[in-house]
Amino acid sequence: MSDRMARLVAGLSAGEPLGDGDAEALASTADILTLGMLADEARRRRHGSETTYVRVADVALPLAGGPPNIPPAAREVRVSADAASLPSSLPALHDVVRAAGTVPVSAFSLADLQACARASGLPLVDLLRGIRHAGVACIAEAPVDLLDEPEAALEAVREAGLGLARLTIQRQADAAARVALIKRVVELQHVLGWLPSFAPLPRSWSAASPTTGYEDVRQVALARLLADNIPSIQVDWSLYGPKLAQVALTVGADDLDAVPAVDDESEGSRRATLEEVRRNIQAAALVPVERDGAYGRIG
């Protein structure tokens, strides 16, 4: 371990803030074990041993055959649709909200809504107010690498009376760009102060050159260490699977997103999704806590 990393380890272990150049030093280190240890310490200082997860029912618009059947286990209903057809989708969106009952409903990508607003000439906040009036609780995601003027777009979400489920990264990027995106998230939270969660792993990638497990672990750890003003660092269970999710929980992540709301028990109850989620959390010496789409704890 270099002298600089040794000083960083001592400072971060004592809860000291990062100084100038420290982010680059952490991002460039090959000592992934030390990086993961530091991120785990930071995560445990904030959350203790508790790890949250949310069971999500995905609904696509337009609806086929009437209102959707929402699984009883769902704690968030997440709606996907073509933002360009938003005005004609609002009645169906309202039907989803009614079918969800007390379960929070999230919908749309903020980047898609921003593009729709510019194409239509309507103010973004007006589109967002229409979504809020349909009963939606929050925008499903805001990909920081796709948003133009992200601060203004996120302010419009707040002005419309909506929440935001998570900040995300859409595209795979090189190491320098990944660190720059985390810094952008930190700056946004510094200005806004209400962003609840950040999912630092890309939601799409090149089939010819996907990210490696090493890069993914590094990104989660860096997100926890650098974005110390963001409450939760999140990993998508459905997108990344149980193995990476479990490792991520030991290097800074504290929330599992997109756990399916319907258990598949075709391979027995021990292999059912909910049991596997809870078992993976416990295997990381952590305590599973279920939450809903508004980050309210259940039970």
Protein backbone atom coordinates (compact mmCIF):
# COMPACT_ATOMS: atom_id res chain seq x y z
CA MET A 1 0.00 0.00 0.00
CA SER A 2 1.37 3.44 -0.96
CA ASP A 3 1.94 6.13 1.67
CA ARG A 4 -0.89 8.18 0.17
CA MET A 5 -3.33 5.26 0.32
CA ALA A 6 -2.24 4.58 3.89
CA ARG A 7 -3.05 8.19 4.80
CA LEU A 8 -6.39 7.92 2.99
CA VAL A 9 -7.24 4.73 4.84
CA ALA A 10 -6.42 6.34 8.19
CA GLY A 11 -8.40 9.49 7.40
CA LEU A 12 -11.48 7.76 5.98
CA SER A 13 -11.52 5.23 8.82
CA ALA A 14 -11.62 8.19 11.20
CA GLY A 15 -14.53 9.71 9.26
CA GLU A 16 -12.53 12.58 7.77
CA PRO A 17 -13.72 14.14 4.47
CA LEU A 18 -11.80 13.61 1.25
CA GLY A 19 -9.31 16.26 0.23
CA ASP A 20 -8.22 17.60 -3.16
CA GLY A 21 -6.97 14.81 -5.38
CA ASP A 22 -8.15 12.06 -3.04
CA ALA A 23 -10.93 10.97 -5.40
CA GLU A 24 -8.43 10.43 -8.20
CA ALA A 25 -6.14 8.49 -5.85
CA LEU A 26 -9.00 6.19 -4.85
CA ALA A 27 -10.11 5.76 -8.46
CA SER A 28 -6.65 4.85 -9.67
CA THR A 29 -5.67 2.38 -6.95
CA ALA A 30 -5.32 -1.28 -7.88
CA ASP A 31 -5.92 -2.26 -4.24
CA ILE A 32 -9.57 -3.20 -4.69
CA LEU A 33 -9.67 -4.99 -1.31
CA THR A 34 -8.71 -1.86 0.60
CA LEU A 35 -11.10 0.22 -1.49
CA GLY A 36 -13.94 -2.19 -0.72
CA MET A 37 -13.08 -2.23 2.99
CA LEU A 38 -13.18 1.57 3.15
CA ALA A 39 -16.54 1.66 1.34
CA ASP A 40 -17.97 -0.99 3.64
CA GLU A 41 -16.90 1.01 6.69
CA ALA A 42 -18.52 4.14 5.24
CA ARG A 43 -21.72 2.23 4.52
CA ARG A 44 -21.87 0.74 8.03
CA ARG A 45 -21.31 4.14 9.66
CA ARG A 46 -24.39 5.38 7.82
CA HIS A 47 -26.68 2.33 7.82
CA GLY A 48 -25.28 -0.11 10.35
CA SER A 49 -26.01 -3.68 9.26
CA GLU A 50 -29.41 -2.95 7.72
CA THR A 51 -29.88 -3.52 3.98
CA THR A 52 -33.12 -2.55 2.27
CA TYR A 53 -34.79 -4.14 -0.73
CA VAL A 54 -37.92 -3.34 -2.72
CA ARG A 55 -40.20 -5.72 -4.62
CA VAL A 56 -41.27 -4.13 -7.89
CA ALA A 57 -44.11 -4.86 -10.30
CA ASP A 58 -43.31 -3.62 -13.81
CA VAL A 59 -46.18 -2.34 -15.95
CA ALA A 60 -45.85 -1.28 -19.58
CA LEU A 61 -48.14 1.18 -21.34
CA PRO A 62 -50.32 0.95 -23.33
CA LEU A 63 -52.29 -1.51 -21.24
CA ALA A 64 -53.62 -4.66 -22.83
CA GLY A 65 -57.00 -5.91 -21.65
CA GLY A 66 -57.91 -3.37 -18.98
CA PRO A 67 -56.27 -2.36 -15.68
CA PRO A 68 -53.23 -4.41 -14.66
CA ASN A 69 -53.26 -7.10 -12.01
CA ILE A 70 -50.81 -5.88 -9.37
CA PRO A 71 -49.19 -8.73 -7.38
CA PRO A 72 -50.01 -8.46 -3.66
CA ALA A 73 -46.30 -8.58 -2.77
CA ALA A 74 -45.45 -5.49 -4.85
CA ARG A 75 -44.14 -2.54 -2.85
CA GLU A 76 -43.54 -0.36 -5.90
CA VAL A 77 -45.31 -0.32 -9.26
CA ARG A 78 -42.95 0.91 -11.98
CA VAL A 79 -44.48 2.09 -15.25
CA SER A 80 -42.59 2.18 -18.53
CA ALA A 81 -43.96 3.88 -21.64
CA ASP A 82 -42.98 5.91 -24.65
CA ALA A 83 -42.72 9.43 -23.28
CA ALA A 84 -43.65 10.83 -26.69
CA SER A 85 -47.16 9.41 -26.25
CA LEU A 86 -47.51 10.83 -22.73
CA PRO A 87 -50.67 12.95 -23.25
CA SER A 88 -52.63 9.97 -24.58
CA SER A 89 -51.13 7.71 -21.87
CA LEU A 90 -52.38 9.71 -18.89
CA PRO A 91 -55.77 7.93 -18.59
CA ALA A 92 -54.03 4.53 -18.61
CA LEU A 93 -51.50 5.83 -16.12
CA HIS A 94 -54.37 6.82 -13.84
CA ASP A 95 -55.80 3.29 -14.19
CA VAL A 96 -52.47 1.85 -13.03
CA VAL A 97 -52.45 4.15 -10.00
CA ARG A 98 -55.97 3.05 -9.06
CA ALA A 99 -55.05 -0.61 -9.46
CA ALA A 100 -51.96 -0.08 -7.28
CA GLY A 101 -54.02 1.28 -4.40
CA THR A 102 -51.68 2.35 -1.59
CA VAL A 103 -48.57 1.04 -3.36
CA PRO A 104 -46.38 3.93 -4.63
CA VAL A 105 -46.23 4.22 -8.42
CA SER A 106 -43.11 5.41 -10.23
CA ALA A 107 -42.98 6.12 -13.94
CA PHE A 108 -40.75 7.22 -16.83
CA SER A 109 -37.15 8.26 -17.28
CA LEU A 110 -36.56 11.96 -16.69
CA ALA A 111 -34.28 12.05 -19.74
CA ASP A 112 -37.11 10.75 -21.94
CA LEU A 113 -39.51 13.32 -20.50
CA GLN A 114 -36.98 16.08 -21.07
CA ALA A 115 -36.64 15.06 -24.73
CA CYS A 116 -40.43 14.89 -25.07
CA ALA A 117 -40.82 18.39 -23.61
CA ARG A 118 -38.32 19.83 -26.06
CA ALA A 119 -39.87 18.07 -29.05
CA SER A 120 -43.39 19.20 -28.12
CA GLY A 121 -42.47 22.72 -27.05
CA LEU A 122 -44.15 22.21 -23.66
CA PRO A 123 -42.38 23.14 -20.43
CA LEU A 124 -41.01 20.07 -18.68
CA VAL A 125 -42.71 21.04 -15.44
CA ASP A 126 -46.11 20.95 -17.18
CA LEU A 127 -45.53 17.38 -18.39
CA LEU A 128 -44.46 16.42 -14.88
CA ARG A 129 -47.56 18.02 -13.35
CA GLY A 130 -49.74 15.92 -15.66
CA ILE A 131 -47.99 12.81 -14.38
CA ARG A 132 -48.46 13.95 -10.78
CA HIS A 133 -52.16 14.64 -11.36
CA ALA A 134 -52.52 11.06 -12.60
CA GLY A 135 -51.45 9.96 -9.11
CA VAL A 136 -47.83 8.97 -9.76
CA ALA A 137 -45.60 9.38 -6.70
CA CYS A 138 -42.20 9.72 -8.33
CA ILE A 139 -40.19 9.62 -11.52
CA ALA A 140 -38.65 6.17 -11.86
CA GLU A 141 -35.13 7.26 -12.80
CA ALA A 142 -32.96 10.20 -13.78
CA PRO A 143 -29.92 9.08 -15.83
CA VAL A 144 -27.29 11.71 -15.10
CA ASP A 145 -25.32 10.90 -18.25
CA LEU A 146 -28.31 11.60 -20.54
CA LEU A 147 -29.81 14.69 -18.92
CA ASP A 148 -29.22 18.16 -20.31
CA GLU A 149 -29.10 20.75 -17.53
CA PRO A 150 -29.76 18.09 -14.87
CA GLU A 151 -30.15 20.58 -12.03
CA ALA A 152 -32.99 22.38 -13.80
CA ALA A 153 -34.65 19.10 -14.79
CA LEU A 154 -34.55 17.80 -11.22
CA GLU A 155 -35.84 21.12 -9.86
CA ALA A 156 -38.81 20.74 -12.22
CA VAL A 157 -39.53 17.31 -10.68
CA ARG A 158 -39.66 18.89 -7.25
CA GLU A 159 -41.71 21.86 -8.46
CA ALA A 160 -44.29 19.48 -9.94
CA GLY A 161 -44.76 17.79 -6.56
CA LEU A 162 -43.04 14.54 -7.54
CA GLY A 163 -40.25 12.57 -5.96
CA LEU A 164 -37.41 10.77 -7.68
CA ALA A 165 -36.85 7.07 -7.10
CA ARG A 166 -33.19 6.99 -8.11
CA LEU A 167 -30.38 8.66 -9.99
CA THR A 168 -28.92 6.26 -12.53
CA ILE A 169 -26.20 5.90 -15.17
CA GLN A 170 -27.43 4.66 -18.53
CA ARG A 171 -24.31 4.03 -20.58
CA GLN A 172 -21.09 2.16 -20.04
CA ALA A 173 -18.12 4.53 -19.78
CA ASP A 174 -14.38 4.52 -19.20
CA ALA A 175 -12.83 4.91 -15.76
CA ALA A 176 -12.36 8.69 -15.94
CA ALA A 177 -15.94 9.26 -17.13
CA ARG A 178 -17.33 7.03 -14.36
CA VAL A 179 -15.58 9.08 -11.70
CA ALA A 180 -16.77 12.31 -13.36
CA LEU A 181 -20.37 11.06 -13.24
CA ILE A 182 -20.11 10.31 -9.53
CA LYS A 183 -18.76 13.82 -8.97
CA ARG A 184 -21.71 15.21 -10.93
CA VAL A 185 -24.08 13.35 -8.62
CA VAL A 186 -22.28 14.79 -5.59
CA GLU A 187 -22.63 18.32 -6.99
CA LEU A 188 -26.33 17.84 -7.73
CA GLN A 189 -27.01 16.65 -4.21
CA HIS A 190 -24.99 19.54 -2.80
CA VAL A 191 -27.31 21.96 -4.60
CA LEU A 192 -30.62 20.09 -4.27
CA GLY A 193 -30.27 18.14 -1.04
CA TRP A 194 -33.23 15.76 -1.52
CA LEU A 195 -31.95 13.00 -3.82
CA PRO A 196 -32.49 9.66 -2.04
CA SER A 197 -30.54 7.08 -3.99
CA PHE A 198 -27.88 6.55 -6.64
CA ALA A 199 -27.46 3.41 -8.75
CA PRO A 200 -23.86 3.75 -10.06
CA LEU A 201 -23.73 0.73 -12.40
CA PRO A 202 -24.70 1.28 -16.07
CA ARG A 203 -28.12 0.08 -17.19
CA SER A 204 -26.92 -0.74 -20.71
CA TRP A 205 -23.57 -1.91 -22.02
CA SER A 206 -21.78 -3.14 -25.10
CA ALA A 207 -22.23 -6.87 -25.73
CA ALA A 208 -18.80 -6.89 -27.36
CA SER A 209 -17.10 -5.26 -24.37
CA PRO A 210 -19.19 -5.47 -21.18
CA THR A 211 -17.91 -4.21 -17.85
CA THR A 212 -16.00 -6.67 -15.70
CA GLY A 213 -16.90 -7.67 -12.17
CA TYR A 214 -13.74 -5.88 -11.02
CA GLU A 215 -14.89 -2.61 -12.63
CA ASP A 216 -18.41 -2.97 -11.22
CA VAL A 217 -17.15 -3.56 -7.67
CA ARG A 218 -14.81 -0.58 -7.98
CA GLN A 219 -17.65 1.65 -9.19
CA VAL A 220 -19.93 0.71 -6.29
CA ALA A 221 -17.15 1.30 -3.75
CA LEU A 222 -16.21 4.65 -5.30
CA ALA A 223 -19.85 5.74 -5.33
CA ARG A 224 -20.15 5.10 -1.60
CA LEU A 225 -16.88 6.84 -0.77
CA LEU A 226 -17.20 9.86 -3.08
CA ALA A 227 -20.98 10.41 -2.94
CA ASP A 228 -21.07 10.64 0.83
CA ASN A 229 -24.00 13.07 0.66
CA ILE A 230 -26.29 10.50 -1.03
CA PRO A 231 -28.19 8.35 1.49
CA SER A 232 -28.37 5.07 -0.47
CA ILE A 233 -26.15 3.35 -3.01
CA GLN A 234 -28.28 0.91 -4.97
CA VAL A 235 -27.81 -2.19 -7.12
CA ASP A 236 -30.49 -3.53 -9.47
CA TRP A 237 -31.18 -7.16 -8.52
CA SER A 238 -32.97 -8.04 -11.77
CA LEU A 239 -30.33 -6.42 -13.95
CA TYR A 240 -27.15 -7.60 -12.22
CA GLY A 241 -28.22 -10.78 -10.46
CA PRO A 242 -27.60 -12.24 -7.01
CA LYS A 243 -23.86 -12.82 -7.24
CA LEU A 244 -22.84 -9.26 -8.05
CA ALA A 245 -25.55 -7.92 -5.75
CA GLN A 246 -24.15 -9.83 -2.80
CA VAL A 247 -20.60 -8.67 -3.48
CA ALA A 248 -21.82 -5.09 -3.92
CA LEU A 249 -23.37 -5.22 -0.45
CA THR A 250 -19.91 -5.82 1.03
CA VAL A 251 -18.33 -2.84 -0.79
CA GLY A 252 -20.73 -0.01 -0.05
CA ALA A 253 -24.19 -0.77 -1.49
CA ASP A 254 -27.08 -0.75 0.99
CA ASP A 255 -30.19 -1.16 -1.18
CA LEU A 256 -31.36 -3.82 -3.64
CA ASP A 257 -33.71 -2.47 -6.30
CA ALA A 258 -36.09 -4.29 -8.65
CA VAL A 259 -36.62 -7.50 -6.72
CA PRO A 260 -39.47 -9.25 -8.60
CA ALA A 261 -42.84 -9.05 -6.87
CA VAL A 262 -43.77 -12.61 -7.91
CA ASP A 263 -41.81 -15.53 -6.47
CA ASP A 264 -40.85 -18.36 -8.78
CA GLU A 265 -40.95 -21.50 -6.63
CA SER A 266 -40.50 -23.92 -9.52
CA GLU A 267 -37.19 -25.02 -7.99
CA GLY A 268 -38.52 -25.12 -4.42
CA SER A 269 -39.23 -22.52 -1.75
CA ARG A 270 -35.55 -22.07 -0.87
CA ARG A 271 -34.89 -20.98 -4.45
CA ALA A 272 -37.81 -18.53 -4.51
CA THR A 273 -36.72 -14.96 -5.28
CA LEU A 274 -37.59 -13.40 -1.92
CA GLU A 275 -35.87 -16.18 0.01
CA GLU A 276 -32.80 -15.86 -2.21
CA VAL A 277 -32.67 -12.09 -1.71
CA ARG A 278 -32.90 -12.39 2.05
CA ARG A 279 -30.38 -15.23 2.14
CA ASN A 280 -27.88 -13.25 0.05
CA ILE A 281 -28.20 -10.26 2.37
CA GLN A 282 -27.76 -12.41 5.47
CA ALA A 283 -24.78 -14.21 3.92
CA ALA A 284 -23.06 -10.82 3.74
CA ALA A 285 -23.58 -10.52 7.53
CA LEU A 286 -26.31 -7.92 7.01
CA VAL A 287 -29.95 -7.59 8.07
CA PRO A 288 -32.64 -7.54 5.34
CA VAL A 289 -35.28 -4.82 5.68
CA GLU A 290 -38.13 -4.52 3.18
CA ARG A 291 -39.11 -1.05 1.98
CA ASP A 292 -41.64 0.47 -0.40
CA GLY A 293 -41.15 2.68 -3.43
CA ALA A 294 -41.22 5.81 -1.27
CA TYR A 295 -38.39 4.44 0.92
CA GLY A 296 -40.78 3.71 3.76
CA ARG A 297 -39.85 0.64 5.78
CA ILE A 298 -42.28 -2.26 6.01
CA GLY A 299 -42.76 -4.38 9.10
